[in-house]
Protein backbone atom coordinates (compact mmCIF):
# COMPACT_ATOMS: atom_id res chain seq x y z
CA UNK A 1 -21.56 85.63 38.50
CA UNK A 2 -20.53 86.23 34.93
CA UNK A 3 -22.57 86.04 31.80
CA UNK A 4 -21.84 82.66 31.15
CA UNK A 5 -22.46 81.25 34.46
CA UNK A 6 -25.97 82.67 34.54
CA UNK A 7 -26.69 81.44 30.91
CA UNK A 8 -26.05 78.04 32.11
CA UNK A 9 -28.04 78.26 35.17
CA UNK A 10 -30.87 79.42 33.06
CA UNK A 11 -30.67 76.60 30.75
CA UNK A 12 -30.27 73.83 33.05
CA UNK A 13 -32.33 75.11 36.08
CA UNK A 14 -34.99 76.14 33.46
CA UNK A 15 -35.30 72.57 32.26
CA UNK A 16 -35.26 71.13 35.61
CA UNK A 17 -38.01 73.43 36.78
CA UNK A 18 -40.08 72.88 33.60
CA UNK A 19 -39.95 69.30 34.10
CA UNK A 20 -40.82 69.37 37.68
CA UNK A 21 -44.00 71.45 36.73
CA UNK A 22 -44.81 68.67 34.29
CA UNK A 23 -44.42 70.49 31.21
CA UNK A 24 -43.78 68.20 28.27
CA UNK A 25 -40.21 67.32 27.70
CA UNK A 26 -39.95 68.84 24.26
CA UNK A 27 -41.47 72.09 25.55
CA UNK A 28 -39.25 72.10 28.57
CA UNK A 29 -36.10 71.75 26.29
CA UNK A 30 -37.46 74.57 23.86
CA UNK A 31 -38.54 77.05 26.50
CA UNK A 32 -35.16 76.65 28.52
CA UNK A 33 -33.15 77.23 25.27
CA UNK A 34 -35.16 80.18 24.26
CA UNK A 35 -35.01 81.71 27.67
CA UNK A 36 -31.07 81.29 27.80
CA UNK A 37 -30.76 82.66 24.30
CA UNK A 38 -32.92 85.72 25.00
CA UNK A 39 -30.62 86.55 27.96
CA UNK A 40 -27.52 85.88 26.06
CA UNK A 41 -28.76 88.23 23.27
CA UNK A 42 -28.52 85.15 20.71
CA UNK A 43 -30.81 85.72 17.88
CA UNK A 44 -33.81 83.88 18.03
CA UNK A 45 -33.92 83.17 14.27
CA UNK A 46 -30.76 80.71 15.12
CA UNK A 47 -32.81 78.85 17.66
CA UNK A 48 -35.62 78.20 15.13
CA UNK A 49 -33.40 77.46 12.31
CA UNK A 50 -31.66 74.79 14.59
CA UNK A 51 -35.24 73.60 15.35
CA UNK A 52 -36.00 73.33 11.50
CA UNK A 53 -32.60 71.89 10.31
CA UNK A 54 -32.69 69.06 12.78
CA UNK A 55 -35.56 67.62 10.82
CA UNK A 56 -33.77 67.60 7.57
CA UNK A 57 -31.68 64.69 8.81
CA UNK A 58 -32.56 61.71 6.57
CA UNK A 59 -31.46 59.15 9.13
CA UNK A 60 -34.14 60.44 11.73
CA UNK A 61 -36.77 59.21 9.37
CA UNK A 62 -35.61 55.71 10.28
CA UNK A 63 -37.23 56.07 13.71
CA UNK A 64 -40.90 56.42 12.73
CA UNK A 65 -40.39 53.36 10.45
CA UNK A 66 -39.10 51.50 13.40
CA UNK A 67 -41.99 52.57 15.59
CA UNK A 68 -44.49 51.46 13.03
CA UNK A 69 -42.81 48.22 12.20
CA UNK A 70 -42.96 47.37 16.01
CA UNK A 71 -46.65 48.25 16.29
CA UNK A 72 -47.55 46.11 13.09
CA UNK A 73 -45.68 42.94 14.49
CA UNK A 74 -47.04 43.64 18.12
CA UNK A 75 -50.64 43.97 16.70
CA UNK A 76 -50.00 41.00 14.42
CA UNK A 77 -49.32 38.66 17.30
CA UNK A 78 -45.45 38.28 16.84
CA UNK A 79 -45.24 38.49 20.66
CA UNK A 80 -47.22 35.31 20.98
CA UNK A 81 -45.23 33.59 18.34
CA UNK A 82 -41.92 34.44 20.12
CA UNK A 83 -43.36 33.36 23.40
CA UNK A 84 -44.16 29.87 21.88
CA UNK A 85 -40.75 29.65 20.22
CA UNK A 86 -39.07 30.28 23.76
CA UNK A 87 -41.16 27.80 25.27
CA UNK A 88 -40.02 25.10 22.93
CA UNK A 89 -36.24 26.18 23.61
CA UNK A 90 -36.26 26.71 27.34
CA UNK A 91 -39.54 26.24 28.66
CA UNK A 92 -38.84 22.75 30.34
CA UNK A 93 -36.55 23.92 33.22
CA UNK A 94 -37.46 25.28 36.71
CA UNK A 95 -38.28 28.99 36.61
CA UNK A 96 -38.66 28.27 32.59
CA UNK A 97 -41.15 30.90 32.24
CA UNK A 98 -38.89 33.60 33.65
CA UNK A 99 -36.22 32.40 31.12
CA UNK A 100 -38.90 32.57 28.27
CA UNK A 101 -39.63 35.93 29.58
CA UNK A 102 -36.09 37.05 29.07
CA UNK A 103 -35.33 35.18 25.81
CA UNK A 104 -38.57 36.70 24.40
CA UNK A 105 -37.48 40.35 25.19
CA UNK A 106 -34.25 39.68 23.35
CA UNK A 107 -35.99 38.64 20.47
CA UNK A 108 -38.90 41.20 20.53
CA UNK A 109 -36.41 43.89 21.41
CA UNK A 110 -34.94 43.34 18.01
CA UNK A 111 -38.15 44.16 16.62
CA UNK A 112 -39.38 46.96 18.70
CA UNK A 113 -36.17 48.84 19.90
CA UNK A 114 -37.75 50.14 22.75
CA UNK A 115 -37.60 48.94 26.62
CA UNK A 116 -41.21 50.33 27.47
CA UNK A 117 -42.94 48.53 24.10
CA UNK A 118 -41.13 45.55 25.53
CA UNK A 119 -42.73 45.98 28.90
CA UNK A 120 -46.02 46.97 27.87
CA UNK A 121 -46.55 43.97 25.18
CA UNK A 122 -44.80 41.35 26.86
CA UNK A 123 -45.14 42.31 30.37
CA UNK A 124 -49.09 42.74 29.79
CA UNK A 125 -49.19 38.91 29.08
CA UNK A 126 -46.33 37.36 30.91
CA UNK A 127 -46.46 39.13 34.25
CA UNK A 128 -50.08 38.19 34.95
CA UNK A 129 -49.06 34.50 33.50
CA UNK A 130 -46.07 34.22 35.74
CA UNK A 131 -48.33 35.22 39.01
CA UNK A 132 -51.01 32.62 38.06
CA UNK A 133 -48.35 29.83 37.78
CA UNK A 134 -47.01 30.74 41.48
CA UNK A 135 -44.16 33.43 40.67
CA UNK A 136 -44.20 36.05 43.14
CA UNK A 137 -45.13 39.56 41.78
CA UNK A 138 -41.75 41.28 42.66
CA UNK A 139 -39.73 38.47 40.98
CA UNK A 140 -42.40 38.74 37.88
CA UNK A 141 -41.94 42.39 37.36
CA UNK A 142 -38.24 42.45 38.02
CA UNK A 143 -37.52 39.86 35.34
CA UNK A 144 -39.75 41.47 32.80
CA UNK A 145 -38.48 45.07 33.40
CA UNK A 146 -34.94 44.28 33.52
CA UNK A 147 -34.92 42.28 30.53
CA UNK A 148 -36.60 45.00 28.67
CA UNK A 149 -33.32 46.58 28.53
CA UNK A 150 -32.19 44.16 25.95
CA UNK A 151 -34.36 45.78 23.52
CA UNK A 152 -32.38 49.15 23.88
CA UNK A 153 -29.19 47.34 22.90
CA UNK A 154 -30.16 44.70 20.13
CA UNK A 155 -30.99 46.25 16.66
CA UNK A 156 -32.96 47.96 15.51
CA UNK A 157 -32.45 50.30 18.75
CA UNK A 158 -34.11 53.91 18.33
CA UNK A 159 -31.88 54.95 20.99
CA UNK A 160 -28.50 53.86 19.13
CA UNK A 161 -30.28 56.08 16.25
CA UNK A 162 -30.51 58.95 18.76
CA UNK A 163 -26.84 58.59 19.72
CA UNK A 164 -25.80 58.79 16.20
CA UNK A 165 -27.91 61.80 15.54
CA UNK A 166 -26.87 63.74 18.80
CA UNK A 167 -23.16 62.87 18.06
CA UNK A 168 -23.27 64.91 14.88
CA UNK A 169 -20.12 63.05 13.80
CA UNK A 170 -21.44 60.97 10.83
CA UNK A 171 -21.25 57.41 12.53
CA UNK A 172 -22.51 54.78 10.49
CA UNK A 173 -25.93 53.68 11.80
CA UNK A 174 -25.60 49.87 10.70
CA UNK A 175 -22.07 49.68 12.45
CA UNK A 176 -23.69 51.33 15.51
CA UNK A 177 -26.69 48.84 15.60
CA UNK A 178 -24.30 45.77 14.96
CA UNK A 179 -22.11 46.88 18.10
CA UNK A 180 -25.17 46.29 20.09
CA UNK A 181 -25.62 42.65 19.35
CA UNK A 182 -23.16 40.89 21.58
CA UNK A 183 -23.81 43.27 24.47
CA UNK A 184 -27.31 42.45 24.09
CA UNK A 185 -26.65 38.63 24.13
CA UNK A 186 -24.38 38.91 27.02
CA UNK A 187 -27.12 40.76 29.05
CA UNK A 188 -29.64 38.19 28.17
CA UNK A 189 -27.35 35.40 29.84
CA UNK A 190 -26.46 37.77 32.58
CA UNK A 191 -30.01 38.16 33.52
CA UNK A 192 -30.87 34.49 33.10
CA UNK A 193 -28.18 33.38 35.68
CA UNK A 194 -29.86 35.07 38.63
CA UNK A 195 -33.32 34.55 37.24
CA UNK A 196 -32.67 30.67 37.47
CA UNK A 197 -30.83 30.92 40.75
CA UNK A 198 -33.73 32.89 42.43
CA UNK A 199 -36.25 30.55 40.91
CA UNK A 200 -34.53 27.32 42.23
CA UNK A 201 -34.24 29.12 45.71
CA UNK A 202 -37.77 30.02 45.79
CA UNK A 203 -38.81 26.57 44.13
CA UNK A 204 -40.82 28.02 41.50
CA UNK A 205 -42.73 25.61 38.95
CA UNK A 206 -41.61 23.93 35.85
CA UNK A 207 -43.64 25.13 32.74
CA UNK A 208 -46.45 22.95 31.69
CA UNK A 209 -46.89 24.40 28.14
CA UNK A 210 -47.64 21.66 25.69
CA UNK A 211 -45.87 22.19 22.28
CA UNK A 212 -45.85 18.61 21.51
CA UNK A 213 -46.20 17.91 17.59
CA UNK A 214 -46.22 21.68 16.65
CA UNK A 215 -42.47 22.51 17.24
CA UNK A 216 -41.62 22.90 13.26
CA UNK A 217 -44.73 25.25 12.91
CA UNK A 218 -43.85 27.17 15.91
CA UNK A 219 -40.22 27.69 14.93
CA UNK A 220 -41.23 28.73 11.26
CA UNK A 221 -43.87 31.28 12.25
CA UNK A 222 -41.40 32.95 14.69
CA UNK A 223 -38.45 32.88 12.30
CA UNK A 224 -40.91 34.56 9.85
CA UNK A 225 -41.37 37.55 12.21
CA UNK A 226 -37.67 37.81 13.33
CA UNK A 227 -36.89 38.21 9.37
CA UNK A 228 -37.80 41.95 10.09
CA UNK A 229 -34.50 42.41 12.02
CA UNK A 230 -32.53 40.40 9.42
CA UNK A 231 -33.65 42.73 6.82
CA UNK A 232 -32.65 45.81 8.33
CA UNK A 233 -29.07 44.19 9.19
CA UNK A 234 -28.35 42.50 6.06
CA UNK A 235 -29.44 45.49 3.89
CA UNK A 236 -27.41 47.90 5.85
CA UNK A 237 -24.27 45.99 6.33
CA UNK A 238 -24.17 44.77 2.81
CA UNK A 239 -24.85 48.36 1.46
CA UNK A 240 -27.94 47.48 -0.44
CA UNK A 241 -29.69 50.46 0.94
CA UNK A 242 -29.34 52.81 3.87
CA UNK A 243 -30.84 52.37 7.40
CA UNK A 244 -33.72 54.51 6.74
CA UNK A 245 -34.52 52.68 3.46
CA UNK A 246 -34.18 49.27 5.18
CA UNK A 247 -36.31 50.41 7.98
CA UNK A 248 -39.22 51.14 5.37
CA UNK A 249 -38.63 47.75 3.99
CA UNK A 250 -38.70 45.96 7.19
CA UNK A 251 -42.09 48.05 7.86
CA UNK A 252 -43.80 46.68 4.80
CA UNK A 253 -42.46 43.12 5.53
CA UNK A 254 -43.99 43.23 8.99
CA UNK A 255 -47.19 44.25 7.58
CA UNK A 256 -47.26 41.55 4.99
CA UNK A 257 -46.28 38.88 7.52
CA UNK A 258 -49.09 39.99 9.97
CA UNK A 259 -51.87 40.17 7.40
CA UNK A 260 -50.84 36.99 4.89
CA UNK A 261 -49.01 34.61 7.18
CA UNK A 262 -50.32 35.36 10.79
CA UNK A 263 -53.74 36.47 9.49
CA UNK A 264 -53.92 38.44 12.71
CA UNK A 265 -53.89 41.99 11.41
CA UNK A 266 -57.39 43.44 10.55
CA UNK A 267 -58.14 46.48 8.47
CA UNK A 268 -59.22 48.29 11.92
CA UNK A 269 -56.15 47.14 13.72
CA UNK A 270 -54.20 48.42 10.69
CA UNK A 271 -55.69 51.89 11.06
CA UNK A 272 -55.30 51.53 14.81
CA UNK A 273 -51.65 50.57 14.47
CA UNK A 274 -50.99 54.09 12.65
CA UNK A 275 -53.00 56.09 15.19
CA UNK A 276 -51.10 54.39 18.15
CA UNK A 277 -47.75 55.36 16.53
CA UNK A 278 -48.49 58.97 15.63
CA UNK A 279 -48.15 60.15 19.28
CA UNK A 280 -44.94 58.11 19.80
CA UNK A 281 -43.50 59.37 16.50
CA UNK A 282 -44.65 63.02 17.11
CA UNK A 283 -43.25 63.15 20.42
CA UNK A 284 -39.82 61.64 19.47
CA UNK A 285 -39.42 64.21 16.65
CA UNK A 286 -40.48 67.38 18.80
CA UNK A 287 -37.72 66.25 21.32
CA UNK A 288 -34.99 65.74 18.66
CA UNK A 289 -35.87 69.22 17.29
CA UNK A 290 -36.06 70.99 20.55
CA UNK A 291 -32.72 69.11 21.78
CA UNK A 292 -30.88 70.43 18.82
CA UNK A 293 -31.91 73.96 19.88
CA UNK A 294 -30.92 73.03 23.57
CA UNK A 295 -27.62 71.54 22.25
CA UNK A 296 -26.76 74.76 20.14
CA UNK A 297 -27.21 76.94 23.22
CA UNK A 298 -25.00 74.52 25.13
CA UNK A 299 -22.34 74.66 22.65
CA UNK A 300 -22.51 78.52 22.51
CA UNK A 301 -21.96 78.57 26.35
CA UNK A 302 -18.94 76.29 26.07
CA UNK A 303 -20.58 73.64 28.17
CA UNK A 304 -18.65 70.68 26.69
CA UNK A 305 -15.25 72.42 27.25
CA UNK A 306 -16.06 73.63 30.82
CA UNK A 307 -16.94 69.95 31.92
CA UNK A 308 -14.03 68.55 30.20
CA UNK A 309 -11.76 70.90 32.19
CA UNK A 310 -13.59 70.03 35.15
CA UNK A 311 -13.12 66.36 34.80
CA UNK A 312 -9.52 66.64 33.70
CA UNK A 313 -8.89 68.70 36.84
CA UNK A 314 -9.84 65.70 39.02
CA UNK A 315 -7.87 63.14 37.09
CA UNK A 316 -6.08 62.57 33.60
CA UNK A 317 -5.98 58.97 33.75
CA UNK A 318 -8.44 57.45 31.25
CA UNK A 319 -9.75 54.75 33.57
CA UNK A 320 -10.66 57.31 36.27
CA UNK A 321 -12.26 59.57 33.77
CA UNK A 322 -14.44 56.51 32.32
CA UNK A 323 -15.26 55.88 35.89
CA UNK A 324 -16.43 59.51 36.44
CA UNK A 325 -18.47 59.45 33.37
CA UNK A 326 -20.16 56.20 34.25
CA UNK A 327 -21.19 57.48 37.64
CA UNK A 328 -22.36 60.70 36.12
CA UNK A 329 -24.50 58.69 33.38
CA UNK A 330 -25.99 56.28 36.08
CA UNK A 331 -27.02 59.24 38.34
CA UNK A 332 -28.40 61.41 35.45
CA UNK A 333 -30.19 58.22 34.30
CA UNK A 334 -32.07 57.87 37.63
CA UNK A 335 -33.70 61.33 37.18
CA UNK A 336 -34.35 61.85 33.43
CA UNK A 337 -35.96 60.23 30.45
CA UNK A 338 -33.51 58.13 28.18
CA UNK A 339 -34.14 59.75 24.93
CA UNK A 340 -33.82 63.27 26.27
CA UNK A 341 -30.61 62.36 28.24
CA UNK A 342 -29.08 61.00 25.06
CA UNK A 343 -29.48 64.15 22.92
CA UNK A 344 -28.51 66.31 25.95
CA UNK A 345 -25.69 64.61 27.40
CA UNK A 346 -23.86 63.21 24.17
CA UNK A 347 -22.71 66.71 22.87
CA UNK A 348 -21.17 67.08 26.46
CA UNK A 349 -19.74 63.74 27.05
CA UNK A 350 -18.77 62.69 23.39
CA UNK A 351 -15.76 65.20 23.09
CA UNK A 352 -14.51 64.04 26.41
CA UNK A 353 -14.92 60.38 25.59
CA UNK A 354 -13.76 60.40 22.11
CA UNK A 355 -11.61 63.71 21.68
CA UNK A 356 -9.89 63.77 25.36
CA UNK A 357 -9.33 59.96 26.15
CA UNK A 358 -9.59 58.25 22.70
CA UNK A 359 -12.63 56.12 23.06
CA UNK A 360 -13.89 54.64 19.73
CA UNK A 361 -17.07 56.53 19.17
CA UNK A 362 -19.15 53.22 18.47
CA UNK A 363 -17.92 51.61 21.81
CA UNK A 364 -18.63 54.89 23.75
CA UNK A 365 -22.10 54.73 22.06
CA UNK A 366 -22.83 51.41 23.39
CA UNK A 367 -21.48 52.27 26.76
CA UNK A 368 -23.63 55.53 27.02
CA UNK A 369 -26.60 53.96 25.89
CA UNK A 370 -26.61 50.93 28.49
CA UNK A 371 -25.64 53.33 31.28
CA UNK A 372 -28.80 55.35 30.44
CA UNK A 373 -30.85 52.27 29.91
CA UNK A 374 -30.29 51.04 33.59
CA UNK A 375 -32.07 54.25 34.48
CA UNK A 376 -35.09 52.97 32.97
CA UNK A 377 -35.32 50.25 35.83
CA UNK A 378 -34.40 52.31 38.80
CA UNK A 379 -36.33 54.88 40.92
CA UNK A 380 -37.15 57.53 41.10
CA UNK A 381 -38.19 58.19 37.39
CA UNK A 382 -37.66 54.66 35.78
CA UNK A 383 -40.31 54.59 32.99
CA UNK A 384 -40.12 50.78 32.44
CA UNK A 385 -40.10 50.43 36.34
CA UNK A 386 -43.10 52.33 36.94
CA UNK A 387 -44.82 50.59 33.96
CA UNK A 388 -43.98 46.93 35.05
CA UNK A 389 -45.19 47.82 38.59
CA UNK A 390 -48.46 49.08 37.30
CA UNK A 391 -48.91 45.71 35.20
CA UNK A 392 -47.82 43.76 38.19
CA UNK A 393 -50.28 45.40 40.65
CA UNK A 394 -47.38 46.29 43.17
CA UNK A 395 -45.82 49.49 44.42
CA UNK A 396 -42.30 50.47 43.42
CA UNK A 397 -41.29 49.95 47.03
CA UNK A 398 -42.53 46.25 47.18
CA UNK A 399 -40.85 45.62 43.85
CA UNK A 400 -37.30 46.69 44.84
CA UNK A 401 -36.30 43.44 46.64
CA UNK A 402 -37.11 41.38 43.43
CA UNK A 403 -34.83 43.64 41.15
CA UNK A 404 -31.60 43.47 43.52
CA UNK A 405 -30.16 40.16 42.27
CA UNK A 406 -30.61 41.56 38.64
CA UNK A 407 -28.76 44.86 39.20
CA UNK A 408 -25.61 43.06 39.97
CA UNK A 409 -25.05 41.58 36.78
CA UNK A 410 -26.22 44.87 34.86
CA UNK A 411 -23.54 46.82 36.65
CA UNK A 412 -20.92 44.08 36.27
CA UNK A 413 -21.77 44.28 32.36
CA UNK A 414 -21.74 48.10 32.32
CA UNK A 415 -18.14 48.00 33.48
CA UNK A 416 -16.96 45.32 31.42
CA UNK A 417 -18.67 47.17 28.17
CA UNK A 418 -16.96 50.28 29.37
CA UNK A 419 -13.39 48.91 29.97
CA UNK A 420 -13.32 46.12 27.29
CA UNK A 421 -13.97 47.78 23.91
CA UNK A 422 -13.67 44.43 21.99
CA UNK A 423 -16.95 43.22 23.47
CA UNK A 424 -18.87 45.97 21.51
CA UNK A 425 -16.38 46.13 18.36
CA UNK A 426 -15.70 42.48 17.70
CA UNK A 427 -18.81 41.87 15.53
CA UNK A 428 -18.64 44.79 13.41
CA UNK A 429 -14.91 44.03 12.87
CA UNK A 430 -15.67 40.74 11.74
CA UNK A 431 -17.62 42.57 8.91
CA UNK A 432 -14.96 45.28 8.50
CA UNK A 433 -17.19 47.92 9.64
CA UNK A 434 -15.45 49.28 12.63
CA UNK A 435 -11.71 50.01 13.48
């Protein structure tokens, strides 16, 4: 074996081995990058410079603001407001609580931008409630976990932000976020269909929530919380401020709504929200820093070029290449954390998708993020799947039967998003933001 091959093996096998030993992901990335660099005689100062310079990206600061905003809104009771709004809209049908779950995930996803945050906040309330109403545990978990993927697609999505940073191509954050709207809505509809079919087949109950005489108040309170999303979109789309600045404004807005409108965020909860956000923010930033070093070593070893040549050796047909990339992304998504995958895989796949077969970079971002998101609810490493099963009190094996009807629309939509670029690009084109 030549030096390049050994370097690639050290880099990737080192990462896999360290993760199997349960070393934190950020450290696994950093250690494997340093080990490969030492073997290849790359100056370690280059590695550490990449770690430092990655933190100088102004866009990255938006991620902590997204996290704190979601924490304020969650602790401030916005989840409960959104649940009551959805009861008003869709609660009076058979399986209505399941549809409420799906629609709440779409709305809350626009605030949290995180699948696991969606499962932990909404799932902790709705999974036990659905079981108490007579829904089976596997169905309750499946609805909650699969609908949490809407938070990955609908702005403000942290994972879209990670893709923009990982692509290192100067993509507009606002355009990329807006690209996720229509796919996110289609995912909501796609998941609601099997939810209703299964609910009718299993004869699940009709929701009995009483909202009589309170509808206007419920709608007003929910819309007030959802304005945090519109602040980000309007400010970035209209050029009022950058994505990072709009995230900061939305964060302050979320605090004001929680304190002065909902009257539900105490001083103790305010302090607790910051402490709860710190571990998430620190781990996210550590992963970004170490992924930058890892990507630098990959570029030195010319991994993107080698993979591109291998793929083109199989076929030069763009449709076939897209299919190969989808299969690769789904496979990787089953075994690695989504955030890490975006930073590791984007520098490899981006040149193939955008440079070789001419995919629109924004379109490819939606496809890549959604393909990796599916891994969040599939075994053996799906973090949202395991979290949902823990809340539902069932094993992963017991839950799989309930997931099967929901996997079908997700895979159908993935292929539609991949082969019909207009689904992702039509909304930003209406605003003149994408070509």
